[in-house]
N, C-alpha and C. Protein backbone atom coordinates (compact mmCIF):
# COMPACT_ATOMS: atom_id res chain seq x y z
N MET A 1 -4.44 106.34 14.48
CA MET A 1 -3.67 105.48 13.63
C MET A 1 -4.25 105.53 12.22
N ALA A 2 -3.40 105.36 11.28
CA ALA A 2 -3.83 105.21 9.89
C ALA A 2 -3.26 103.89 9.40
N ARG A 3 -4.05 103.19 8.63
CA ARG A 3 -3.64 101.86 8.19
C ARG A 3 -3.83 101.71 6.69
N VAL A 4 -3.00 100.88 6.11
CA VAL A 4 -3.25 100.43 4.74
C VAL A 4 -4.23 99.28 4.86
N LEU A 5 -5.24 99.28 4.02
CA LEU A 5 -6.25 98.22 4.03
C LEU A 5 -6.15 97.40 2.76
N THR A 6 -6.29 96.10 2.90
CA THR A 6 -6.39 95.24 1.72
C THR A 6 -7.77 94.59 1.64
N ALA A 7 -8.60 94.89 2.64
CA ALA A 7 -9.99 94.43 2.64
C ALA A 7 -10.82 95.49 3.33
N LEU A 8 -12.01 95.68 2.86
CA LEU A 8 -12.90 96.68 3.45
C LEU A 8 -13.52 96.12 4.72
N PRO A 9 -13.47 96.89 5.84
CA PRO A 9 -14.10 96.41 7.06
C PRO A 9 -15.62 96.37 6.92
N ARG A 10 -16.28 95.68 7.84
CA ARG A 10 -17.74 95.60 7.83
C ARG A 10 -18.32 96.97 8.19
N LEU A 11 -19.24 97.45 7.38
CA LEU A 11 -19.86 98.76 7.57
C LEU A 11 -21.36 98.57 7.71
N GLU A 12 -21.97 99.27 8.67
CA GLU A 12 -23.41 99.19 8.91
C GLU A 12 -23.97 100.60 9.06
N PRO A 13 -25.24 100.83 8.69
CA PRO A 13 -25.83 102.17 8.83
C PRO A 13 -26.15 102.54 10.28
N THR A 14 -26.23 101.57 11.16
CA THR A 14 -26.47 101.84 12.58
C THR A 14 -25.40 101.14 13.40
N SER A 15 -25.26 101.55 14.64
CA SER A 15 -24.26 100.97 15.53
C SER A 15 -24.52 99.48 15.72
N THR A 16 -23.56 98.67 15.29
CA THR A 16 -23.65 97.22 15.40
C THR A 16 -22.30 96.72 15.89
N GLU A 17 -22.32 95.79 16.84
CA GLU A 17 -21.07 95.27 17.38
C GLU A 17 -20.23 94.64 16.27
N GLY A 18 -18.95 95.01 16.25
CA GLY A 18 -18.03 94.46 15.26
C GLY A 18 -18.06 95.16 13.92
N ALA A 19 -18.85 96.21 13.79
CA ALA A 19 -18.94 96.92 12.51
C ALA A 19 -18.70 98.41 12.73
N LEU A 20 -18.25 99.08 11.69
CA LEU A 20 -18.11 100.53 11.72
C LEU A 20 -19.45 101.14 11.32
N THR A 21 -19.81 102.25 11.96
CA THR A 21 -21.08 102.91 11.67
C THR A 21 -20.91 103.87 10.50
N LEU A 22 -21.50 103.54 9.37
CA LEU A 22 -21.37 104.32 8.15
C LEU A 22 -22.27 105.54 8.19
N ARG A 23 -21.69 106.72 7.94
CA ARG A 23 -22.45 107.97 7.89
C ARG A 23 -22.60 108.50 6.47
N HIS A 24 -21.62 108.22 5.60
CA HIS A 24 -21.64 108.81 4.26
C HIS A 24 -20.75 107.97 3.35
N LYS A 25 -21.19 107.76 2.11
CA LYS A 25 -20.38 107.06 1.11
C LYS A 25 -20.45 107.83 -0.20
N VAL A 26 -19.30 108.00 -0.83
CA VAL A 26 -19.22 108.68 -2.12
C VAL A 26 -18.31 107.87 -3.05
N SER A 27 -18.74 107.77 -4.30
CA SER A 27 -17.95 107.05 -5.30
C SER A 27 -18.25 107.66 -6.67
N PRO A 28 -17.29 107.79 -7.54
CA PRO A 28 -15.87 107.54 -7.38
C PRO A 28 -15.15 108.76 -6.79
N VAL A 29 -14.06 108.46 -6.13
CA VAL A 29 -13.23 109.47 -5.47
C VAL A 29 -11.78 109.15 -5.79
N THR A 30 -10.98 110.19 -5.98
CA THR A 30 -9.54 110.03 -6.14
C THR A 30 -8.87 110.46 -4.85
N CYS A 31 -7.85 109.72 -4.41
CA CYS A 31 -7.12 110.05 -3.19
C CYS A 31 -5.66 110.29 -3.55
N THR A 32 -5.13 111.43 -3.14
CA THR A 32 -3.71 111.73 -3.29
C THR A 32 -3.12 111.83 -1.89
N VAL A 33 -2.06 111.07 -1.65
CA VAL A 33 -1.39 111.06 -0.35
C VAL A 33 -0.05 111.75 -0.52
N LYS A 34 0.22 112.74 0.33
CA LYS A 34 1.50 113.45 0.29
C LYS A 34 2.17 113.31 1.65
N SER A 35 3.41 112.84 1.63
CA SER A 35 4.17 112.70 2.88
C SER A 35 5.65 112.82 2.56
N GLU A 36 6.47 112.75 3.61
CA GLU A 36 7.91 112.83 3.41
C GLU A 36 8.41 111.70 2.52
N GLY A 37 7.70 110.58 2.52
CA GLY A 37 8.11 109.43 1.72
C GLY A 37 7.77 109.56 0.25
N GLY A 38 7.03 110.59 -0.13
CA GLY A 38 6.65 110.78 -1.52
C GLY A 38 5.17 111.02 -1.68
N ASP A 39 4.74 111.16 -2.91
CA ASP A 39 3.33 111.39 -3.23
C ASP A 39 2.80 110.18 -4.00
N ILE A 40 1.59 109.77 -3.64
CA ILE A 40 0.95 108.63 -4.29
C ILE A 40 -0.47 109.02 -4.65
N GLY A 41 -0.90 108.67 -5.85
CA GLY A 41 -2.28 108.89 -6.27
C GLY A 41 -3.02 107.57 -6.35
N LEU A 42 -4.13 107.49 -5.66
CA LEU A 42 -4.99 106.29 -5.71
C LEU A 42 -6.30 106.73 -6.34
N ASP A 43 -6.63 106.17 -7.51
CA ASP A 43 -7.80 106.67 -8.22
C ASP A 43 -8.97 105.71 -8.17
N ASN A 44 -10.13 106.25 -8.52
CA ASN A 44 -11.37 105.49 -8.67
C ASN A 44 -11.68 104.57 -7.51
N GLY A 45 -11.73 105.16 -6.34
CA GLY A 45 -12.09 104.40 -5.16
C GLY A 45 -13.38 104.91 -4.54
N ASP A 46 -13.68 104.35 -3.40
CA ASP A 46 -14.87 104.73 -2.65
C ASP A 46 -14.44 105.40 -1.36
N LEU A 47 -15.14 106.45 -0.98
CA LEU A 47 -14.87 107.14 0.28
C LEU A 47 -15.99 106.79 1.25
N TYR A 48 -15.60 106.30 2.42
CA TYR A 48 -16.54 105.95 3.48
C TYR A 48 -16.24 106.82 4.69
N VAL A 49 -17.23 107.59 5.12
CA VAL A 49 -17.10 108.37 6.35
C VAL A 49 -17.88 107.59 7.40
N THR A 50 -17.16 107.04 8.38
CA THR A 50 -17.81 106.31 9.46
C THR A 50 -17.66 107.12 10.73
N GLU A 51 -18.37 106.73 11.77
CA GLU A 51 -18.25 107.43 13.05
C GLU A 51 -16.88 107.21 13.67
N GLU A 52 -16.17 106.17 13.26
CA GLU A 52 -14.90 105.83 13.87
C GLU A 52 -13.68 106.29 13.07
N GLU A 53 -13.79 106.33 11.75
CA GLU A 53 -12.66 106.68 10.90
C GLU A 53 -13.12 107.05 9.49
N VAL A 54 -12.19 107.65 8.75
CA VAL A 54 -12.42 107.96 7.34
C VAL A 54 -11.66 106.90 6.53
N ILE A 55 -12.35 106.31 5.56
CA ILE A 55 -11.76 105.22 4.78
C ILE A 55 -11.84 105.56 3.30
N PHE A 56 -10.72 105.42 2.60
CA PHE A 56 -10.70 105.43 1.14
C PHE A 56 -10.31 104.02 0.72
N PHE A 57 -11.08 103.42 -0.18
CA PHE A 57 -10.78 102.05 -0.61
C PHE A 57 -11.02 101.91 -2.10
N ASN A 58 -10.02 101.35 -2.79
CA ASN A 58 -10.11 101.08 -4.21
C ASN A 58 -10.39 99.58 -4.37
N PRO A 59 -11.64 99.20 -4.68
CA PRO A 59 -11.98 97.78 -4.75
C PRO A 59 -11.26 97.04 -5.89
N ARG A 60 -10.95 97.73 -6.97
CA ARG A 60 -10.25 97.09 -8.09
C ARG A 60 -8.86 96.63 -7.68
N ARG A 61 -8.17 97.44 -6.88
CA ARG A 61 -6.82 97.10 -6.41
C ARG A 61 -6.84 96.42 -5.04
N SER A 62 -8.02 96.34 -4.40
CA SER A 62 -8.12 95.82 -3.03
C SER A 62 -7.11 96.51 -2.13
N LEU A 63 -7.13 97.84 -2.17
CA LEU A 63 -6.15 98.62 -1.44
C LEU A 63 -6.77 99.95 -1.02
N GLY A 64 -6.47 100.37 0.18
CA GLY A 64 -7.00 101.64 0.65
C GLY A 64 -6.30 102.11 1.90
N VAL A 65 -6.84 103.17 2.47
CA VAL A 65 -6.28 103.79 3.67
C VAL A 65 -7.41 104.08 4.64
N SER A 66 -7.13 103.87 5.91
CA SER A 66 -8.07 104.16 6.98
C SER A 66 -7.43 105.15 7.94
N LEU A 67 -8.13 106.24 8.26
CA LEU A 67 -7.61 107.28 9.15
C LEU A 67 -8.52 107.44 10.36
N ALA A 68 -7.97 107.20 11.54
CA ALA A 68 -8.73 107.40 12.77
C ALA A 68 -8.85 108.90 13.05
N TYR A 69 -10.00 109.32 13.55
CA TYR A 69 -10.22 110.75 13.80
C TYR A 69 -9.21 111.33 14.78
N ARG A 70 -8.75 110.55 15.75
CA ARG A 70 -7.81 111.09 16.74
C ARG A 70 -6.49 111.53 16.10
N ASN A 71 -6.20 111.03 14.90
CA ASN A 71 -4.97 111.41 14.21
C ASN A 71 -5.19 112.47 13.13
N ILE A 72 -6.43 112.83 12.88
CA ILE A 72 -6.71 113.89 11.90
C ILE A 72 -6.69 115.21 12.65
N ILE A 73 -5.68 116.04 12.37
CA ILE A 73 -5.55 117.30 13.09
C ILE A 73 -6.19 118.46 12.34
N LEU A 74 -6.51 118.26 11.07
CA LEU A 74 -7.13 119.32 10.29
C LEU A 74 -7.93 118.68 9.16
N HIS A 75 -9.14 119.17 8.98
CA HIS A 75 -9.91 118.78 7.79
C HIS A 75 -10.54 120.04 7.22
N ALA A 76 -10.58 120.11 5.90
CA ALA A 76 -11.09 121.31 5.24
C ALA A 76 -11.61 120.97 3.85
N ALA A 77 -12.58 121.74 3.41
CA ALA A 77 -13.02 121.68 2.02
C ALA A 77 -12.19 122.73 1.29
N THR A 78 -11.48 122.32 0.27
CA THR A 78 -10.55 123.21 -0.41
C THR A 78 -10.41 122.78 -1.87
N GLU A 79 -9.38 123.28 -2.53
CA GLU A 79 -9.06 122.85 -3.88
C GLU A 79 -7.67 122.24 -3.85
N GLN A 80 -7.48 121.18 -4.61
CA GLN A 80 -6.18 120.54 -4.67
C GLN A 80 -5.27 121.33 -5.59
N ALA A 81 -4.26 121.95 -5.01
CA ALA A 81 -3.31 122.72 -5.80
C ALA A 81 -2.55 121.78 -6.73
N GLY A 82 -2.27 122.26 -7.90
CA GLY A 82 -1.49 121.47 -8.85
C GLY A 82 -2.33 120.66 -9.81
N SER A 83 -3.61 120.46 -9.47
CA SER A 83 -4.46 119.75 -10.42
C SER A 83 -4.94 120.76 -11.46
N THR A 84 -5.26 120.30 -12.63
CA THR A 84 -5.68 121.20 -13.70
C THR A 84 -7.07 120.82 -14.16
N PRO A 85 -8.09 121.62 -13.99
CA PRO A 85 -8.08 122.81 -13.12
C PRO A 85 -8.07 122.38 -11.66
N ASN A 86 -7.87 123.34 -10.78
CA ASN A 86 -7.89 123.01 -9.35
C ASN A 86 -9.22 122.35 -9.02
N GLN A 87 -9.16 121.17 -8.44
CA GLN A 87 -10.35 120.38 -8.15
C GLN A 87 -10.78 120.55 -6.70
N PRO A 88 -12.08 120.78 -6.45
CA PRO A 88 -12.57 120.83 -5.07
C PRO A 88 -12.34 119.47 -4.41
N CYS A 89 -11.84 119.49 -3.17
CA CYS A 89 -11.52 118.24 -2.49
C CYS A 89 -11.64 118.40 -0.98
N LEU A 90 -11.64 117.27 -0.30
CA LEU A 90 -11.55 117.25 1.16
C LEU A 90 -10.08 117.06 1.49
N TYR A 91 -9.55 117.96 2.30
CA TYR A 91 -8.15 117.91 2.71
C TYR A 91 -8.11 117.39 4.14
N LEU A 92 -7.30 116.37 4.39
CA LEU A 92 -7.10 115.83 5.73
C LEU A 92 -5.61 115.85 6.03
N GLN A 93 -5.27 116.33 7.22
CA GLN A 93 -3.88 116.36 7.65
C GLN A 93 -3.77 115.53 8.92
N THR A 94 -2.77 114.64 8.98
CA THR A 94 -2.61 113.80 10.16
C THR A 94 -1.42 114.26 10.99
N ASP A 95 -1.42 113.85 12.26
CA ASP A 95 -0.34 114.22 13.16
C ASP A 95 0.73 113.14 13.26
N VAL A 96 0.61 112.11 12.46
CA VAL A 96 1.59 111.03 12.46
C VAL A 96 2.10 110.82 11.04
N PRO A 97 3.39 110.55 10.88
CA PRO A 97 3.93 110.39 9.53
C PRO A 97 3.45 109.10 8.89
N LEU A 98 3.28 109.14 7.61
CA LEU A 98 2.88 107.96 6.85
C LEU A 98 4.13 107.22 6.42
N LEU A 99 4.28 106.02 6.92
CA LEU A 99 5.41 105.18 6.55
C LEU A 99 4.94 104.15 5.54
N ASN A 100 5.85 103.52 4.87
CA ASN A 100 5.54 102.47 3.89
C ASN A 100 4.64 102.98 2.77
N ILE A 101 4.81 104.23 2.40
CA ILE A 101 3.98 104.78 1.32
C ILE A 101 4.21 104.00 0.03
N ASP A 102 5.38 103.39 -0.11
CA ASP A 102 5.66 102.60 -1.30
C ASP A 102 4.71 101.40 -1.42
N ARG A 103 4.18 100.94 -0.31
CA ARG A 103 3.22 99.83 -0.34
C ARG A 103 1.94 100.24 -1.07
N LEU A 104 1.56 101.51 -0.92
CA LEU A 104 0.38 101.99 -1.63
C LEU A 104 0.62 102.06 -3.13
N ALA A 105 1.85 102.36 -3.52
CA ALA A 105 2.17 102.49 -4.94
C ALA A 105 2.37 101.14 -5.61
N SER A 106 2.67 100.12 -4.82
CA SER A 106 2.94 98.80 -5.37
C SER A 106 1.66 98.15 -5.88
N PRO A 107 1.68 97.58 -7.08
CA PRO A 107 0.49 96.90 -7.58
C PRO A 107 0.27 95.55 -6.90
N ALA A 108 1.31 95.00 -6.28
CA ALA A 108 1.17 93.71 -5.61
C ALA A 108 0.43 93.88 -4.30
N VAL A 109 -0.51 92.98 -4.05
CA VAL A 109 -1.28 93.01 -2.82
C VAL A 109 -0.93 91.77 -2.02
N PRO A 110 -0.49 91.93 -0.75
CA PRO A 110 -0.13 90.77 0.05
C PRO A 110 -1.33 89.86 0.27
N SER A 111 -1.08 88.56 0.30
CA SER A 111 -2.17 87.62 0.50
C SER A 111 -2.31 87.21 1.95
N SER A 112 -1.38 87.57 2.79
CA SER A 112 -1.42 87.19 4.20
C SER A 112 -2.55 87.88 4.92
N ALA A 113 -3.31 87.14 5.70
CA ALA A 113 -4.41 87.72 6.48
C ALA A 113 -3.87 88.71 7.50
N ASP A 114 -2.63 88.48 7.96
CA ASP A 114 -2.04 89.39 8.94
C ASP A 114 -1.77 90.76 8.34
N ALA A 115 -1.59 90.83 7.04
CA ALA A 115 -1.27 92.10 6.39
C ALA A 115 -2.51 92.91 6.06
N GLN A 116 -3.72 92.37 6.30
CA GLN A 116 -4.94 93.07 5.92
C GLN A 116 -5.03 94.45 6.53
N ASN A 117 -4.67 94.58 7.77
CA ASN A 117 -4.79 95.87 8.45
C ASN A 117 -3.46 96.30 9.02
N GLU A 118 -2.41 96.13 8.23
CA GLU A 118 -1.07 96.46 8.69
C GLU A 118 -0.94 97.96 8.92
N PRO A 119 -0.52 98.37 10.13
CA PRO A 119 -0.34 99.79 10.37
C PRO A 119 0.78 100.35 9.50
N VAL A 120 0.55 101.51 8.92
CA VAL A 120 1.58 102.15 8.11
C VAL A 120 1.90 103.54 8.64
N VAL A 121 1.28 103.92 9.70
CA VAL A 121 1.52 105.22 10.28
C VAL A 121 1.96 105.03 11.71
N THR A 122 3.08 105.63 12.06
CA THR A 122 3.55 105.53 13.43
C THR A 122 3.94 106.91 13.91
N LYS A 123 3.88 107.10 15.21
CA LYS A 123 4.30 108.35 15.80
C LYS A 123 5.72 108.17 16.29
N SER A 124 6.58 109.10 16.02
CA SER A 124 7.97 108.99 16.43
C SER A 124 8.07 108.97 17.94
N ASP A 125 8.76 107.97 18.46
CA ASP A 125 8.99 107.87 19.90
C ASP A 125 10.41 108.29 20.24
N SER A 126 11.10 108.90 19.32
CA SER A 126 12.48 109.28 19.52
C SER A 126 12.60 110.31 20.63
N SER A 127 13.56 110.10 21.51
CA SER A 127 13.78 111.05 22.60
C SER A 127 14.73 112.15 22.16
N ASP A 128 15.21 112.12 20.91
CA ASP A 128 16.10 113.16 20.41
C ASP A 128 15.41 114.51 20.33
N ASP A 129 14.10 114.52 20.27
CA ASP A 129 13.34 115.75 20.11
C ASP A 129 12.74 116.22 21.43
N GLU A 130 13.44 115.99 22.54
CA GLU A 130 12.92 116.35 23.85
C GLU A 130 12.51 117.82 23.92
N GLU A 131 13.28 118.71 23.29
CA GLU A 131 12.99 120.13 23.39
C GLU A 131 11.78 120.54 22.58
N ASP A 132 11.32 119.70 21.67
CA ASP A 132 10.17 120.02 20.83
C ASP A 132 8.92 119.27 21.26
N ASP A 133 8.73 119.07 22.58
CA ASP A 133 7.59 118.30 23.07
C ASP A 133 6.25 118.88 22.65
N ASP A 134 6.16 120.20 22.50
CA ASP A 134 4.89 120.82 22.15
C ASP A 134 4.67 120.90 20.64
N PHE A 135 5.64 120.47 19.86
CA PHE A 135 5.55 120.54 18.41
C PHE A 135 4.75 119.36 17.89
N ASP A 136 3.69 119.63 17.13
CA ASP A 136 2.89 118.59 16.50
C ASP A 136 3.27 118.53 15.02
N PRO A 137 4.02 117.51 14.61
CA PRO A 137 4.46 117.45 13.22
C PRO A 137 3.30 117.14 12.28
N ILE A 138 3.44 117.58 11.05
CA ILE A 138 2.49 117.18 10.03
C ILE A 138 2.95 115.81 9.56
N GLY A 139 2.08 114.84 9.71
CA GLY A 139 2.46 113.49 9.33
C GLY A 139 2.26 113.24 7.85
N ALA A 140 1.05 113.40 7.39
CA ALA A 140 0.74 113.17 5.98
C ALA A 140 -0.47 114.01 5.61
N GLU A 141 -0.60 114.27 4.33
CA GLU A 141 -1.73 115.03 3.82
C GLU A 141 -2.49 114.16 2.83
N PHE A 142 -3.81 114.21 2.92
CA PHE A 142 -4.68 113.42 2.06
C PHE A 142 -5.63 114.36 1.34
N TYR A 143 -5.68 114.27 0.02
CA TYR A 143 -6.60 115.04 -0.80
C TYR A 143 -7.60 114.06 -1.39
N LEU A 144 -8.85 114.15 -0.96
CA LEU A 144 -9.91 113.25 -1.42
C LEU A 144 -10.83 114.04 -2.34
N THR A 145 -10.76 113.73 -3.64
CA THR A 145 -11.44 114.50 -4.66
C THR A 145 -12.58 113.69 -5.27
N PRO A 146 -13.84 114.08 -4.97
CA PRO A 146 -14.96 113.37 -5.59
C PRO A 146 -15.08 113.76 -7.06
N GLN A 147 -15.49 112.80 -7.88
CA GLN A 147 -15.69 113.10 -9.31
C GLN A 147 -16.77 114.17 -9.47
N ASP A 148 -17.81 114.11 -8.64
CA ASP A 148 -18.87 115.10 -8.65
C ASP A 148 -18.58 116.14 -7.57
N PRO A 149 -18.12 117.34 -7.93
CA PRO A 149 -17.78 118.36 -6.94
C PRO A 149 -18.95 118.73 -6.02
N GLY A 150 -20.18 118.50 -6.47
CA GLY A 150 -21.36 118.78 -5.65
C GLY A 150 -21.44 117.90 -4.41
N GLN A 151 -20.68 116.82 -4.38
CA GLN A 151 -20.67 115.91 -3.23
C GLN A 151 -19.81 116.43 -2.07
N LEU A 152 -18.95 117.40 -2.34
CA LEU A 152 -17.96 117.84 -1.34
C LEU A 152 -18.60 118.36 -0.06
N HIS A 153 -19.65 119.16 -0.18
CA HIS A 153 -20.28 119.73 1.02
C HIS A 153 -20.78 118.63 1.95
N GLY A 154 -21.45 117.63 1.42
CA GLY A 154 -21.95 116.52 2.24
C GLY A 154 -20.83 115.73 2.89
N ILE A 155 -19.74 115.52 2.16
CA ILE A 155 -18.58 114.81 2.72
C ILE A 155 -18.02 115.60 3.89
N PHE A 156 -17.81 116.91 3.67
CA PHE A 156 -17.24 117.75 4.72
C PHE A 156 -18.12 117.78 5.96
N GLU A 157 -19.42 117.92 5.77
CA GLU A 157 -20.34 117.95 6.91
C GLU A 157 -20.30 116.63 7.69
N SER A 158 -20.24 115.52 6.99
CA SER A 158 -20.18 114.21 7.65
C SER A 158 -18.88 114.04 8.44
N VAL A 159 -17.76 114.43 7.84
CA VAL A 159 -16.47 114.33 8.54
C VAL A 159 -16.48 115.23 9.76
N SER A 160 -17.01 116.45 9.63
CA SER A 160 -17.07 117.37 10.78
C SER A 160 -17.91 116.80 11.91
N THR A 161 -19.07 116.26 11.57
CA THR A 161 -19.95 115.67 12.58
C THR A 161 -19.26 114.51 13.29
N CYS A 162 -18.64 113.63 12.54
CA CYS A 162 -17.99 112.46 13.14
C CYS A 162 -16.73 112.86 13.91
N ALA A 163 -16.00 113.85 13.44
CA ALA A 163 -14.81 114.32 14.17
C ALA A 163 -15.21 114.88 15.53
N ASN A 164 -16.38 115.52 15.61
CA ASN A 164 -16.86 116.05 16.89
C ASN A 164 -17.19 114.95 17.89
N LEU A 165 -17.36 113.73 17.42
CA LEU A 165 -17.59 112.59 18.32
C LEU A 165 -16.30 112.15 19.01
N HIS A 166 -15.17 112.69 18.55
CA HIS A 166 -13.85 112.31 19.07
C HIS A 166 -13.08 113.58 19.46
N PRO A 167 -13.47 114.25 20.57
CA PRO A 167 -12.82 115.51 20.93
C PRO A 167 -11.35 115.31 21.29
N ASP A 168 -10.58 116.35 21.07
CA ASP A 168 -9.16 116.37 21.43
C ASP A 168 -9.07 116.78 22.89
N TYR A 169 -8.89 115.82 23.78
CA TYR A 169 -8.89 116.10 25.21
C TYR A 169 -7.71 116.96 25.63
N GLU A 170 -6.59 116.90 24.92
CA GLU A 170 -5.46 117.77 25.23
C GLU A 170 -5.84 119.22 24.99
N ALA A 171 -6.52 119.50 23.88
CA ALA A 171 -6.93 120.87 23.58
C ALA A 171 -7.95 121.36 24.59
N VAL A 172 -8.85 120.49 25.04
CA VAL A 172 -9.85 120.87 26.03
C VAL A 172 -9.17 121.20 27.35
N SER A 173 -8.20 120.40 27.77
CA SER A 173 -7.53 120.67 29.04
C SER A 173 -6.67 121.92 28.96
N ASP A 174 -6.12 122.25 27.78
CA ASP A 174 -5.35 123.48 27.63
C ASP A 174 -6.23 124.71 27.83
N SER A 175 -7.49 124.65 27.43
CA SER A 175 -8.37 125.81 27.56
C SER A 175 -8.82 126.02 29.00
N ASP A 176 -8.61 125.02 29.87
CA ASP A 176 -8.98 125.17 31.27
C ASP A 176 -8.13 126.23 31.96
N GLY A 177 -6.98 126.55 31.41
CA GLY A 177 -6.09 127.52 32.04
C GLY A 177 -6.30 128.93 31.55
N LEU A 178 -7.49 129.29 31.10
CA LEU A 178 -7.76 130.61 30.56
C LEU A 178 -8.18 131.62 31.62
N VAL A 179 -7.67 131.51 32.81
CA VAL A 179 -7.98 132.46 33.87
C VAL A 179 -6.87 133.49 33.89
N ASP A 180 -7.23 134.78 33.74
CA ASP A 180 -6.18 135.80 33.74
C ASP A 180 -5.82 136.21 35.16
N GLU A 181 -4.83 137.10 35.28
CA GLU A 181 -4.31 137.51 36.58
C GLU A 181 -5.36 138.17 37.46
N ASP A 182 -6.35 138.84 36.87
CA ASP A 182 -7.38 139.53 37.64
C ASP A 182 -8.50 138.60 38.08
N GLY A 183 -8.40 137.34 37.72
CA GLY A 183 -9.39 136.37 38.16
C GLY A 183 -10.52 136.14 37.18
N PHE A 184 -10.45 136.73 35.97
CA PHE A 184 -11.50 136.50 34.99
C PHE A 184 -11.39 135.09 34.45
N ASP A 185 -12.48 134.36 34.52
CA ASP A 185 -12.52 132.99 34.01
C ASP A 185 -13.65 132.93 32.98
N PRO A 186 -13.34 132.73 31.69
CA PRO A 186 -14.39 132.71 30.66
C PRO A 186 -15.39 131.58 30.86
N ASN A 187 -15.03 130.56 31.63
CA ASN A 187 -15.94 129.45 31.89
C ASN A 187 -17.03 129.83 32.89
N GLU A 188 -16.88 130.97 33.58
CA GLU A 188 -17.86 131.40 34.58
C GLU A 188 -18.78 132.49 34.06
N VAL A 189 -18.71 132.81 32.80
CA VAL A 189 -19.55 133.87 32.23
C VAL A 189 -20.93 133.34 31.95
């Protein structure tokens, strides 16, 4: 799941009940969100890589985005196309579409406590796409650009380490069927 945040969750350097385990923090960072609903730029925020999720939060606007690792289908260190010059950034792609992207663009911040962690990403449950069951749609793309490009390697390493804590069990079970007709099983080598 990915959520719009209006308050930063509790972060701790070690595993503590009720808190996210912080692995890496970088500031300032610019976040660009691209989805079917449009493109939004969130500037001058903080990037938090926790063991549970990746968080971008702009304290001045009290607004940010939280991405659970189970929904991040691709992460890469790359350059953001279209920026001048192309800026080194962390690219994250999700498997669920980002809805309510207009809420990120709005300067108004809801005051309701219920809206603090309002989900803005949902997976389509439509049965109209029965024939495309194996198709994993691109939900949204996130470009996280640190002001200091030298920070990118550390960010990428932290995200990779934390993503490995959340394996894709569907992908693991798919590899179990790698036995060919002659009986060769790569798991027995």
